[in-house]
Protein backbone atom coordinates (compact mmCIF):
# COMPACT_ATOMS: atom_id res chain seq x y z
CA MET A 1 -0.01 -0.07 -0.19
CA HIS A 2 2.77 2.27 0.94
CA VAL A 3 4.24 1.77 -2.58
CA ILE A 4 1.26 2.13 -4.38
CA CYS A 5 0.35 5.38 -2.67
CA LEU A 6 3.60 7.26 -3.43
CA ALA A 7 3.59 6.00 -6.84
CA LEU A 8 0.29 7.34 -7.55
CA ILE A 9 1.27 10.44 -5.81
CA GLN A 10 4.26 10.97 -8.00
CA GLY A 11 2.56 9.89 -11.32
CA VAL A 12 -0.45 12.29 -10.70
CA THR A 13 1.17 15.19 -9.47
CA GLU A 14 4.24 15.12 -11.86
CA PHE A 15 2.31 16.45 -14.85
CA LEU A 16 -0.21 18.78 -13.12
CA PRO A 17 0.81 22.43 -12.06
CA ILE A 18 0.39 21.30 -8.34
CA SER A 19 3.87 20.46 -7.25
CA SER A 20 4.67 16.91 -6.64
CA SER A 21 7.31 17.74 -4.03
CA ALA A 22 4.75 19.21 -1.95
CA HIS A 23 2.47 16.36 -2.09
CA LEU A 24 5.41 13.81 -1.32
CA ILE A 25 6.35 15.84 1.87
CA LEU A 26 2.79 16.20 3.28
CA ALA A 27 2.30 12.35 2.52
CA ALA A 28 5.40 11.55 4.23
CA LYS A 29 4.90 13.70 7.23
CA ALA A 30 1.16 12.83 7.63
CA MET A 31 1.82 9.11 7.55
CA GLY A 32 5.39 8.99 9.15
CA TRP A 33 6.82 7.32 6.13
CA GLN A 34 10.63 6.89 5.68
CA ASP A 35 12.29 8.03 2.44
CA GLN A 36 12.19 5.04 -0.03
CA GLY A 37 15.36 5.66 -1.56
CA LEU A 38 17.26 6.54 -4.93
CA ALA A 39 15.97 3.51 -6.71
CA PHE A 40 12.47 3.80 -5.91
CA ASP A 41 12.68 7.63 -7.09
CA ILE A 42 14.19 6.35 -10.29
CA ALA A 43 11.24 3.56 -10.74
CA VAL A 44 8.49 6.13 -10.40
CA HIS A 45 10.05 8.57 -12.59
CA GLY A 46 11.01 5.95 -15.20
CA GLY A 47 7.32 5.10 -15.16
CA SER A 48 6.27 8.93 -15.73
CA LEU A 49 9.14 8.94 -18.44
CA ALA A 50 7.57 5.60 -20.18
CA ALA A 51 4.22 7.37 -19.97
CA LEU A 52 5.63 10.52 -21.70
CA ALA A 53 6.89 8.23 -24.38
CA LEU A 54 3.62 6.57 -25.02
CA TYR A 55 1.64 9.93 -25.07
CA PHE A 56 4.15 11.34 -27.57
CA ARG A 57 4.51 8.36 -29.65
CA ARG A 58 3.53 9.93 -32.77
CA GLU A 59 5.87 12.95 -32.20
CA LEU A 60 8.82 10.82 -31.29
CA ALA A 61 8.31 8.69 -34.14
CA GLY A 62 8.11 11.52 -36.51
CA PHE A 63 11.51 13.06 -35.16
CA GLY A 64 12.89 9.66 -35.45
CA ALA A 65 12.12 9.41 -39.29
CA SER A 66 13.22 13.09 -39.82
CA ALA A 67 16.47 12.74 -38.27
CA ALA A 68 16.98 9.27 -40.10
CA ARG A 69 16.45 11.19 -43.38
CA LEU A 70 18.18 14.31 -42.13
CA ARG A 71 15.30 16.50 -42.62
CA TRP A 72 15.03 19.95 -41.17
CA ASP A 73 11.23 19.71 -40.83
CA ALA A 74 8.67 20.64 -38.08
CA ASN A 75 9.18 17.57 -36.25
CA ALA A 76 13.16 18.05 -36.21
CA GLN A 77 12.53 21.70 -35.56
CA LEU A 78 10.04 21.12 -32.40
CA MET A 79 12.48 18.53 -30.95
CA ALA A 80 15.51 20.82 -31.42
CA LYS A 81 13.70 23.62 -29.34
CA VAL A 82 12.74 21.09 -26.69
CA ALA A 83 16.45 20.53 -26.34
CA VAL A 84 17.27 24.23 -26.16
CA ALA A 85 14.53 24.80 -23.45
CA ALA A 86 16.12 21.92 -21.53
CA VAL A 87 19.73 23.52 -21.32
CA PRO A 88 18.98 25.97 -18.43
CA ILE A 89 17.76 23.62 -16.05
CA ALA A 90 20.73 21.12 -16.58
CA VAL A 91 23.05 23.85 -16.03
CA ALA A 92 21.13 25.16 -12.90
CA GLY A 93 20.88 21.57 -11.68
CA TRP A 94 24.54 21.05 -11.93
CA LEU A 95 25.09 24.34 -10.14
CA ILE A 96 22.57 24.48 -7.14
CA GLU A 97 20.65 21.36 -6.93
CA PRO A 98 22.53 19.82 -3.95
CA PHE A 99 21.77 23.34 -2.11
CA ALA A 100 18.06 23.02 -3.28
CA GLU A 101 17.79 19.37 -2.05
CA THR A 102 19.04 20.30 1.36
CA ALA A 103 18.59 23.92 2.34
CA LEU A 104 15.43 24.56 0.38
CA ARG A 105 13.52 21.29 1.07
CA GLN A 106 11.97 22.66 4.40
CA VAL A 107 8.21 22.67 4.84
CA GLY A 108 8.01 26.51 4.96
CA VAL A 109 10.04 26.89 1.52
CA VAL A 110 7.63 24.18 -0.02
CA ALA A 111 4.66 26.10 1.20
CA ALA A 112 5.67 29.50 0.13
CA ALA A 113 6.65 28.24 -3.22
CA THR A 114 3.57 26.32 -3.64
CA ILE A 115 1.38 29.51 -2.97
CA GLY A 116 3.66 31.96 -4.74
CA PHE A 117 4.08 30.46 -7.82
CA GLY A 118 0.26 29.33 -7.81
CA ILE A 119 -0.57 33.07 -7.76
CA VAL A 120 1.73 33.67 -10.75
CA LEU A 121 0.21 30.68 -12.61
CA TRP A 122 -3.17 32.49 -11.81
CA TRP A 123 -1.78 35.75 -13.36
CA ALA A 124 -0.43 34.06 -16.25
CA ASP A 125 -3.95 32.49 -16.99
CA ARG A 126 -5.50 35.83 -16.86
CA ARG A 127 -3.21 37.89 -18.61
CA GLY A 128 -1.38 35.37 -21.30
CA GLY A 129 -2.62 32.59 -23.32
CA GLY A 130 -3.72 32.79 -26.71
CA ASP A 131 -4.23 30.62 -29.95
CA ARG A 132 -0.53 29.74 -30.68
CA ASP A 133 0.50 26.23 -30.80
CA GLU A 134 3.86 24.32 -29.64
CA ALA A 135 5.17 24.07 -33.11
CA SER A 136 4.87 28.16 -33.52
CA VAL A 137 7.42 28.64 -30.45
CA THR A 138 10.65 30.12 -31.40
CA PHE A 139 14.13 29.17 -30.11
CA ALA A 140 14.32 32.35 -28.12
CA GLN A 141 10.97 31.55 -26.75
CA ALA A 142 11.93 27.89 -26.02
CA ALA A 143 14.86 29.30 -24.12
CA LEU A 144 12.85 31.62 -22.02
CA ILE A 145 10.49 28.53 -21.06
CA GLY A 146 13.59 26.71 -20.07
CA LEU A 147 14.88 29.51 -17.90
CA ALA A 148 11.70 29.38 -16.27
CA GLN A 149 12.09 25.70 -15.69
CA ALA A 150 15.09 26.07 -13.71
CA ALA A 151 12.89 27.79 -11.05
CA ALA A 152 11.40 24.21 -10.37
CA LEU A 153 14.54 23.32 -8.77
CA ILE A 154 12.80 25.32 -5.55
CA PRO A 155 10.60 22.67 -3.92
CA GLY A 156 7.02 23.51 -4.16
CA ALA A 157 7.43 25.61 -7.59
CA SER A 158 6.11 22.79 -9.74
CA ARG A 159 8.01 21.97 -13.05
CA SER A 160 5.06 21.76 -14.85
CA GLY A 161 3.53 25.03 -13.35
CA VAL A 162 6.17 27.23 -14.08
CA THR A 163 6.67 25.98 -17.64
CA ILE A 164 3.15 26.20 -18.31
CA THR A 165 3.04 29.63 -16.53
CA ALA A 166 5.67 30.85 -19.21
CA ALA A 167 4.33 29.38 -22.11
CA LEU A 168 1.01 30.98 -21.38
CA LEU A 169 2.71 34.40 -20.95
CA LEU A 170 4.29 33.62 -24.45
CA GLY A 171 0.85 33.51 -25.99
CA LEU A 172 0.52 29.60 -26.33
CA SER A 173 -3.08 28.19 -25.81
CA ARG A 174 -3.67 26.17 -22.80
CA PRO A 175 -3.32 22.74 -24.57
CA SER A 176 -0.33 23.96 -26.16
CA ALA A 177 1.29 25.27 -23.01
CA ALA A 178 0.36 21.74 -21.55
CA ARG A 179 1.78 19.78 -24.12
CA PHE A 180 5.16 21.83 -24.48
CA SER A 181 5.45 21.34 -20.79
CA PHE A 182 5.09 17.67 -21.23
CA LEU A 183 7.41 17.27 -24.06
CA LEU A 184 10.21 19.27 -22.05
CA ALA A 185 9.80 16.76 -19.28
CA LEU A 186 11.28 14.15 -21.74
CA PRO A 187 15.01 15.37 -21.61
CA THR A 188 14.36 16.74 -18.22
CA ILE A 189 13.19 13.73 -16.49
CA GLY A 190 15.21 11.27 -18.83
CA GLY A 191 18.39 13.12 -17.89
CA ALA A 192 17.84 13.28 -14.11
CA VAL A 193 16.81 9.13 -14.35
CA LEU A 194 19.94 8.66 -16.26
CA LEU A 195 22.47 10.49 -13.99
CA ALA A 196 20.55 8.85 -10.95
CA ALA A 197 20.68 5.39 -12.34
CA LEU A 198 24.32 5.61 -12.94
CA GLU A 199 25.20 6.20 -9.22
CA PRO A 200 27.06 2.95 -8.09
CA ALA A 201 25.11 2.44 -4.78
CA THR A 202 21.60 2.76 -6.41
CA TRP A 203 20.70 -0.73 -6.86
CA GLN A 204 22.11 -2.52 -3.96
CA ALA A 205 19.84 -4.65 -2.19
CA GLN A 206 16.92 -3.42 -3.70
CA ALA A 207 13.05 -4.91 -3.48
CA TRP A 208 12.91 -5.53 -7.16
CA PRO A 209 9.10 -6.39 -6.93
CA SER A 210 8.36 -3.08 -5.40
CA LEU A 211 10.22 -1.05 -7.99
CA ALA A 212 8.46 -2.59 -10.58
CA LEU A 213 5.06 -2.00 -8.98
CA GLY A 214 5.82 1.88 -8.51
CA PHE A 215 7.07 1.88 -12.25
CA VAL A 216 3.79 0.40 -13.43
CA VAL A 217 1.29 2.37 -11.14
CA ALA A 218 3.14 5.87 -11.54
CA GLY A 219 3.14 5.37 -15.30
CA VAL A 220 -0.42 4.65 -15.73
CA ALA A 221 -1.39 7.36 -13.32
CA ALA A 222 0.68 9.67 -15.34
CA TYR A 223 -0.30 8.68 -18.71
CA ALA A 224 -4.02 9.40 -17.60
CA CYS A 225 -3.38 12.45 -15.85
CA MET A 226 -1.79 13.92 -18.91
CA ALA A 227 -4.71 12.81 -21.16
CA ALA A 228 -7.24 14.33 -18.75
CA PHE A 229 -5.55 17.48 -18.20
CA VAL A 230 -5.08 18.43 -22.07
CA ALA A 231 -8.61 17.31 -22.71
CA LEU A 232 -10.20 19.62 -19.96
CA VAL A 233 -8.05 22.32 -19.53
CA ASN A 234 -9.43 24.65 -22.06
CA ARG A 235 -12.83 24.33 -19.99
CA THR A 236 -11.29 24.56 -16.39
CA GLY A 237 -8.63 26.95 -17.05
CA MET A 238 -5.58 27.04 -14.32
CA THR A 239 -7.96 28.50 -11.38
CA PRO A 240 -9.02 25.06 -9.74
CA TYR A 241 -5.13 24.22 -9.52
CA VAL A 242 -4.49 27.69 -8.22
CA VAL A 243 -7.17 27.32 -5.51
CA TYR A 244 -5.86 23.71 -4.78
CA ARG A 245 -2.43 24.98 -4.56
CA LEU A 246 -3.28 28.02 -2.15
CA ALA A 247 -5.32 25.52 0.27
CA LEU A 248 -2.37 22.98 0.07
CA GLY A 249 0.23 25.93 0.68
CA ALA A 250 -1.88 27.19 3.47
CA PHE A 251 -2.44 23.57 5.15
CA LEU A 252 1.44 22.82 5.20
CA LEU A 253 2.17 26.43 6.88
CA ALA A 254 -0.53 25.57 9.48
CA PHE A 255 0.27 22.09 10.45
CA TRP A 256 3.94 21.89 9.88
């Protein structure tokens, strides 16, 4: 049950603009759960990565065909823009992630970031947004979205939240902002999983059935969440997620 709950939390909250770190901290505090370790983190993020690959299977197949034929078409350009957008968080992660994972991983910081970045998301949803799709993003705009993603190193900010916020302010429609955010998660999560998996001590004395269960549960939850979010976001807007973030941040401040 412990493994299933954590995997569900990770899968559902990874792609919604509500901060997965805030939910994982809340669950651990509320239930008194111990850290599951790096291998479990890799397993659930790997499940989310598999869900991404399945969700964007047509885009990835098109990019593969373009790369094989050395064509600089719309598929290749979109993936190149995603690569450009992934650079800032790679640099920022190398520079400050150890600090962010220690000094900033406090309940007060998570709560403040959950509330603060939620308000910015609400403002972006009201002031930004448009009818542009993800293919219309320029390389300069991709870099700006990537710079915004670097703020997600602050626990509670939400990687999807900050990237959707930036995309909305640049004039993307809500579904397109979500899709570009999800596409950007491919190199971001993939790179983090790869680096963590290369740590020598990661796979020693692991409960492999628990890792497999976490992978599957997180993957199924992540895919369902992405599909539902893109289908409904035009009707719901970002307000329900902002209200939820404000309530969650206030709850964390009040009780921890």
